[in-house]
Amino acid sequence: MSVSKERIEYFVSLLIASVVIIIMSIIYFAIVLIVVKIAADLVGFDDLDDSFGVLSASILVLAILVSSALHERT
């Protein structure tokens, strides 16, 4: 049973795309976490617990990723 060259190329491109998506998600998370912390400071929640900031950022990043995945290409 031989594996064709096209399947190997497809698998490698799928692997590279997955790694890029994971890296982009981490970058989005870091940016959103910074924005959430700055916004909380501006509004007056100076003592915002870190776990609530991380929870807010993770929910926002999840919404960004899901909405971009579901967005219809025009």
C-alpha atoms as a PDB file:
ATOM      1  CA  MET A   1       0.000   0.000   0.000  1.00  0.00           C
ATOM      2  CA  SER A   2       1.691   3.156  -1.173  1.00  0.00           C
ATOM      3  CA  VAL A   3       0.845   6.677  -0.179  1.00  0.00           C
ATOM      4  CA  SER A   4       0.637   9.109  -3.044  1.00  0.00           C
ATOM      5  CA  LYS A   5       2.654  12.293  -3.180  1.00  0.00           C
ATOM      6  CA  GLU A   6      -0.524  14.393  -3.293  1.00  0.00           C
ATOM      7  CA  ARG A   7      -1.738  12.936   0.011  1.00  0.00           C
ATOM      8  CA  ILE A   8       1.577  13.675   1.680  1.00  0.00           C
ATOM      9  CA  GLU A   9       1.526  17.250   0.378  1.00  0.00           C
ATOM     10  CA  TYR A  10      -2.068  17.648   1.557  1.00  0.00           C
ATOM     11  CA  PHE A  11      -1.175  16.325   5.019  1.00  0.00           C
ATOM     12  CA  VAL A  12       1.839  18.636   5.309  1.00  0.00           C
ATOM     13  CA  SER A  13      -0.182  21.670   4.223  1.00  0.00           C
ATOM     14  CA  LEU A  14      -2.931  20.725   6.687  1.00  0.00           C
ATOM     15  CA  LEU A  15      -0.349  20.408   9.464  1.00  0.00           C
ATOM     16  CA  ILE A  16       1.193  23.787   8.625  1.00  0.00           C
ATOM     17  CA  ALA A  17      -2.241  25.438   8.505  1.00  0.00           C
ATOM     18  CA  SER A  18      -3.120  23.975  11.905  1.00  0.00           C
ATOM     19  CA  VAL A  19       0.084  25.275  13.473  1.00  0.00           C
ATOM     20  CA  VAL A  20      -0.505  28.725  11.976  1.00  0.00           C
ATOM     21  CA  ILE A  21      -4.063  28.795  13.335  1.00  0.00           C
ATOM     22  CA  ILE A  22      -2.842  27.825  16.814  1.00  0.00           C
ATOM     23  CA  ILE A  23      -0.173  30.548  16.767  1.00  0.00           C
ATOM     24  CA  MET A  24      -2.699  33.136  15.556  1.00  0.00           C
ATOM     25  CA  SER A  25      -5.085  32.102  18.342  1.00  0.00           C
ATOM     26  CA  ILE A  26      -2.385  32.636  20.951  1.00  0.00           C
ATOM     27  CA  ILE A  27      -1.576  36.064  19.507  1.00  0.00           C
ATOM     28  CA  TYR A  28      -5.278  37.009  19.425  1.00  0.00           C
ATOM     29  CA  PHE A  29      -5.637  35.859  23.022  1.00  0.00           C
ATOM     30  CA  ALA A  30      -2.699  37.957  24.203  1.00  0.00           C
ATOM     31  CA  ILE A  31      -3.971  41.064  22.411  1.00  0.00           C
ATOM     32  CA  VAL A  32      -7.525  40.635  23.696  1.00  0.00           C
ATOM     33  CA  LEU A  33      -6.271  40.019  27.234  1.00  0.00           C
ATOM     34  CA  ILE A  34      -4.311  43.274  27.126  1.00  0.00           C
ATOM     35  CA  VAL A  35      -7.367  45.121  25.792  1.00  0.00           C
ATOM     36  CA  VAL A  36      -9.610  43.638  28.512  1.00  0.00           C
ATOM     37  CA  LYS A  37      -7.165  44.615  31.260  1.00  0.00           C
ATOM     38  CA  ILE A  38      -6.779  48.172  29.902  1.00  0.00           C
ATOM     39  CA  ALA A  39     -10.541  48.572  29.486  1.00  0.00           C
ATOM     40  CA  ALA A  40     -11.135  47.321  33.033  1.00  0.00           C
ATOM     41  CA  ASP A  41      -8.634  49.856  34.350  1.00  0.00           C
ATOM     42  CA  LEU A  42     -10.256  52.667  32.369  1.00  0.00           C
ATOM     43  CA  VAL A  43     -13.741  51.821  33.621  1.00  0.00           C
ATOM     44  CA  GLY A  44     -12.610  51.692  37.231  1.00  0.00           C
ATOM     45  CA  PHE A  45     -12.074  48.015  37.976  1.00  0.00           C
ATOM     46  CA  ASP A  46      -8.460  48.402  39.045  1.00  0.00           C
ATOM     47  CA  ASP A  47      -8.546  45.261  41.156  1.00  0.00           C
ATOM     48  CA  LEU A  48      -9.870  42.966  38.406  1.00  0.00           C
ATOM     49  CA  ASP A  49      -8.928  39.392  39.243  1.00  0.00           C
ATOM     50  CA  ASP A  50      -6.641  37.794  36.676  1.00  0.00           C
ATOM     51  CA  SER A  51      -8.917  34.780  36.295  1.00  0.00           C
ATOM     52  CA  PHE A  52     -11.831  36.994  35.241  1.00  0.00           C
ATOM     53  CA  GLY A  53      -9.623  38.786  32.726  1.00  0.00           C
ATOM     54  CA  VAL A  54      -8.493  35.484  31.250  1.00  0.00           C
ATOM     55  CA  LEU A  55     -12.079  34.210  31.165  1.00  0.00           C
ATOM     56  CA  SER A  56     -13.276  37.337  29.365  1.00  0.00           C
ATOM     57  CA  ALA A  57     -10.418  37.193  26.874  1.00  0.00           C
ATOM     58  CA  SER A  58     -10.961  33.503  26.150  1.00  0.00           C
ATOM     59  CA  ILE A  59     -14.678  34.022  25.514  1.00  0.00           C
ATOM     60  CA  LEU A  60     -13.936  36.934  23.178  1.00  0.00           C
ATOM     61  CA  VAL A  61     -11.265  34.990  21.274  1.00  0.00           C
ATOM     62  CA  LEU A  62     -13.619  32.031  20.944  1.00  0.00           C
ATOM     63  CA  ALA A  63     -16.275  34.330  19.522  1.00  0.00           C
ATOM     64  CA  ILE A  64     -13.746  35.818  17.081  1.00  0.00           C
ATOM     65  CA  LEU A  65     -12.620  32.408  15.867  1.00  0.00           C
ATOM     66  CA  VAL A  66     -16.122  30.984  15.528  1.00  0.00           C
ATOM     67  CA  SER A  67     -17.447  34.047  13.730  1.00  0.00           C
ATOM     68  CA  SER A  68     -14.520  34.073  11.310  1.00  0.00           C
ATOM     69  CA  ALA A  69     -15.003  30.366  10.624  1.00  0.00           C
ATOM     70  CA  LEU A  70     -18.728  30.788  10.004  1.00  0.00           C
ATOM     71  CA  HIS A  71     -18.407  33.965   7.958  1.00  0.00           C
ATOM     72  CA  GLU A  72     -19.512  33.424   4.381  1.00  0.00           C
ATOM     73  CA  ARG A  73     -16.920  34.318   1.813  1.00  0.00           C
ATOM     74  CA  THR A  74     -18.262  36.737  -0.766  1.00  0.00           C
END
